[in-house]
Amino acid sequence: MNIMKVDDQAKIDLFQEIMPIVMQYLAANSPDEALIADDIIDFFALSIASVIQNDTNLTTPQLQRRGVEAAGKHIAHWVRLLKLDHEQRGASLLAMTMGAVASDDTEH
């Protein structure tokens, strides 16, 4: 049973809009303007932790741990889906997103 209210394509569309902004901002705030995966993951971990900490249904440490476990399951689900997608397309969603941004930049 799917309990999600927003479909996957809408989430992918939003990802393609915000990910270049996130990466550009993080890189601009790096001492050498370099960006590593850990910086990106840590940013989204902060985002997830903020949602879990603010969820009024997760009022105890045990419930918050369950929220963290659920977040891990969502991440694992997307890793599997994106791996299959990458194998079919020959490029990752992130590479395609950033490639589209780069080609948009060269057109302007």
C-alpha atoms as a PDB file:
ATOM      1  CA  MET A   1       0.000   0.000   0.000  1.00  0.00           C
ATOM      2  CA  ASN A   2       1.393   3.379  -1.030  1.00  0.00           C
ATOM      3  CA  ILE A   3       0.801   6.054   1.604  1.00  0.00           C
ATOM      4  CA  MET A   4       2.595   8.835  -0.282  1.00  0.00           C
ATOM      5  CA  LYS A   5       0.521  11.813  -1.347  1.00  0.00           C
ATOM      6  CA  VAL A   6       2.915  13.188  -3.984  1.00  0.00           C
ATOM      7  CA  ASP A   7       3.842  11.038  -6.963  1.00  0.00           C
ATOM      8  CA  ASP A   8       7.438  10.132  -7.790  1.00  0.00           C
ATOM      9  CA  GLN A   9       7.573  12.173 -11.001  1.00  0.00           C
ATOM     10  CA  ALA A  10       6.634  15.356  -9.143  1.00  0.00           C
ATOM     11  CA  LYS A  11       9.449  14.664  -6.673  1.00  0.00           C
ATOM     12  CA  ILE A  12      11.906  14.083  -9.517  1.00  0.00           C
ATOM     13  CA  ASP A  13      10.792  17.323 -11.178  1.00  0.00           C
ATOM     14  CA  LEU A  14      11.356  19.232  -7.935  1.00  0.00           C
ATOM     15  CA  PHE A  15      14.739  17.536  -7.479  1.00  0.00           C
ATOM     16  CA  GLN A  16      15.771  18.734 -10.939  1.00  0.00           C
ATOM     17  CA  GLU A  17      14.816  22.285  -9.999  1.00  0.00           C
ATOM     18  CA  ILE A  18      16.429  22.514  -6.561  1.00  0.00           C
ATOM     19  CA  MET A  19      19.491  20.277  -6.835  1.00  0.00           C
ATOM     20  CA  PRO A  20      21.515  22.650  -9.026  1.00  0.00           C
ATOM     21  CA  ILE A  21      20.726  25.492  -6.604  1.00  0.00           C
ATOM     22  CA  VAL A  22      21.775  23.401  -3.590  1.00  0.00           C
ATOM     23  CA  MET A  23      24.999  22.310  -5.268  1.00  0.00           C
ATOM     24  CA  GLN A  24      25.848  25.827  -6.441  1.00  0.00           C
ATOM     25  CA  TYR A  25      25.215  27.289  -2.975  1.00  0.00           C
ATOM     26  CA  LEU A  26      27.237  24.627  -1.166  1.00  0.00           C
ATOM     27  CA  ALA A  27      30.139  24.933  -3.621  1.00  0.00           C
ATOM     28  CA  ALA A  28      30.126  28.728  -3.274  1.00  0.00           C
ATOM     29  CA  ASN A  29      30.450  28.315   0.493  1.00  0.00           C
ATOM     30  CA  SER A  30      33.330  25.854   0.297  1.00  0.00           C
ATOM     31  CA  PRO A  31      36.799  27.371   0.852  1.00  0.00           C
ATOM     32  CA  ASP A  32      38.038  26.095  -2.520  1.00  0.00           C
ATOM     33  CA  GLU A  33      34.623  26.046  -4.259  1.00  0.00           C
ATOM     34  CA  ALA A  34      34.908  22.257  -4.427  1.00  0.00           C
ATOM     35  CA  LEU A  35      31.997  20.095  -3.450  1.00  0.00           C
ATOM     36  CA  ILE A  36      32.019  16.537  -2.176  1.00  0.00           C
ATOM     37  CA  ALA A  37      29.141  14.108  -1.820  1.00  0.00           C
ATOM     38  CA  ASP A  38      29.383  14.282   1.985  1.00  0.00           C
ATOM     39  CA  ASP A  39      28.526  17.993   1.899  1.00  0.00           C
ATOM     40  CA  ILE A  40      25.394  17.314  -0.142  1.00  0.00           C
ATOM     41  CA  ILE A  41      24.375  14.317   1.976  1.00  0.00           C
ATOM     42  CA  ASP A  42      24.923  16.291   5.172  1.00  0.00           C
ATOM     43  CA  PHE A  43      22.707  19.108   3.897  1.00  0.00           C
ATOM     44  CA  PHE A  44      19.869  16.719   3.132  1.00  0.00           C
ATOM     45  CA  ALA A  45      20.450  14.909   6.452  1.00  0.00           C
ATOM     46  CA  LEU A  46      19.937  18.283   8.155  1.00  0.00           C
ATOM     47  CA  SER A  47      16.719  18.696   6.177  1.00  0.00           C
ATOM     48  CA  ILE A  48      15.457  15.233   7.138  1.00  0.00           C
ATOM     49  CA  ALA A  49      16.477  15.652  10.783  1.00  0.00           C
ATOM     50  CA  SER A  50      14.618  18.964  10.925  1.00  0.00           C
ATOM     51  CA  VAL A  51      11.426  17.336   9.633  1.00  0.00           C
ATOM     52  CA  ILE A  52      11.749  14.405  12.071  1.00  0.00           C
ATOM     53  CA  GLN A  53      12.481  16.706  15.004  1.00  0.00           C
ATOM     54  CA  ASN A  54       9.484  18.893  14.127  1.00  0.00           C
ATOM     55  CA  ASP A  55       7.006  16.027  13.520  1.00  0.00           C
ATOM     56  CA  THR A  56       4.383  16.208  16.250  1.00  0.00           C
ATOM     57  CA  ASN A  57       3.753  12.461  15.888  1.00  0.00           C
ATOM     58  CA  LEU A  58       7.356  11.668  16.840  1.00  0.00           C
ATOM     59  CA  THR A  59       7.341  12.863  20.437  1.00  0.00           C
ATOM     60  CA  THR A  60       9.689  10.364  22.095  1.00  0.00           C
ATOM     61  CA  PRO A  61      13.267   9.338  21.352  1.00  0.00           C
ATOM     62  CA  GLN A  62      12.007   5.880  20.349  1.00  0.00           C
ATOM     63  CA  LEU A  63       9.517   7.338  17.867  1.00  0.00           C
ATOM     64  CA  GLN A  64      12.198   9.663  16.500  1.00  0.00           C
ATOM     65  CA  ARG A  65      14.490   6.639  15.975  1.00  0.00           C
ATOM     66  CA  ARG A  66      11.651   5.026  14.013  1.00  0.00           C
ATOM     67  CA  GLY A  67      11.433   8.189  11.945  1.00  0.00           C
ATOM     68  CA  VAL A  68      15.152   7.922  11.201  1.00  0.00           C
ATOM     69  CA  GLU A  69      14.718   4.256  10.255  1.00  0.00           C
ATOM     70  CA  ALA A  70      11.821   5.163   7.962  1.00  0.00           C
ATOM     71  CA  ALA A  71      13.980   7.845   6.309  1.00  0.00           C
ATOM     72  CA  GLY A  72      16.653   5.207   5.714  1.00  0.00           C
ATOM     73  CA  LYS A  73      14.078   2.967   4.039  1.00  0.00           C
ATOM     74  CA  HIS A  74      12.999   5.808   1.762  1.00  0.00           C
ATOM     75  CA  ILE A  75      16.633   6.459   0.833  1.00  0.00           C
ATOM     76  CA  ALA A  76      17.213   2.759   0.091  1.00  0.00           C
ATOM     77  CA  HIS A  77      14.078   2.706  -2.072  1.00  0.00           C
ATOM     78  CA  TRP A  78      15.308   5.661  -4.142  1.00  0.00           C
ATOM     79  CA  VAL A  79      18.807   4.191  -4.437  1.00  0.00           C
ATOM     80  CA  ARG A  80      17.287   1.034  -5.960  1.00  0.00           C
ATOM     81  CA  LEU A  81      15.005   2.981  -8.340  1.00  0.00           C
ATOM     82  CA  LEU A  82      17.765   5.317  -9.456  1.00  0.00           C
ATOM     83  CA  LYS A  83      20.197   2.447  -9.997  1.00  0.00           C
ATOM     84  CA  LEU A  84      17.721   0.799 -12.368  1.00  0.00           C
ATOM     85  CA  ASP A  85      17.048   4.111 -14.089  1.00  0.00           C
ATOM     86  CA  HIS A  86      20.789   4.748 -14.464  1.00  0.00           C
ATOM     87  CA  GLU A  87      21.270   1.310 -16.022  1.00  0.00           C
ATOM     88  CA  GLN A  88      18.459   2.000 -18.524  1.00  0.00           C
ATOM     89  CA  ARG A  89      19.470   5.537 -19.465  1.00  0.00           C
ATOM     90  CA  GLY A  90      23.230   5.183 -19.145  1.00  0.00           C
ATOM     91  CA  ALA A  91      23.456   8.251 -16.913  1.00  0.00           C
ATOM     92  CA  SER A  92      22.450   9.068 -13.380  1.00  0.00           C
ATOM     93  CA  LEU A  93      19.605  11.441 -12.580  1.00  0.00           C
ATOM     94  CA  LEU A  94      22.083  13.810 -10.949  1.00  0.00           C
ATOM     95  CA  ALA A  95      24.420  13.755 -13.967  1.00  0.00           C
ATOM     96  CA  MET A  96      21.494  14.371 -16.329  1.00  0.00           C
ATOM     97  CA  THR A  97      20.195  17.205 -14.130  1.00  0.00           C
ATOM     98  CA  MET A  98      23.559  18.915 -13.902  1.00  0.00           C
ATOM     99  CA  GLY A  99      24.199  18.317 -17.604  1.00  0.00           C
ATOM    100  CA  ALA A 100      20.907  20.006 -18.461  1.00  0.00           C
ATOM    101  CA  VAL A 101      21.886  22.962 -16.279  1.00  0.00           C
ATOM    102  CA  ALA A 102      25.290  23.208 -17.965  1.00  0.00           C
ATOM    103  CA  SER A 103      23.733  23.152 -21.444  1.00  0.00           C
ATOM    104  CA  ASP A 104      21.188  25.809 -20.371  1.00  0.00           C
ATOM    105  CA  ASP A 105      24.068  27.987 -19.125  1.00  0.00           C
ATOM    106  CA  THR A 106      25.940  27.728 -22.433  1.00  0.00           C
ATOM    107  CA  GLU A 107      22.829  28.688 -24.403  1.00  0.00           C
ATOM    108  CA  HIS A 108      22.456  32.020 -22.583  1.00  0.00           C
END
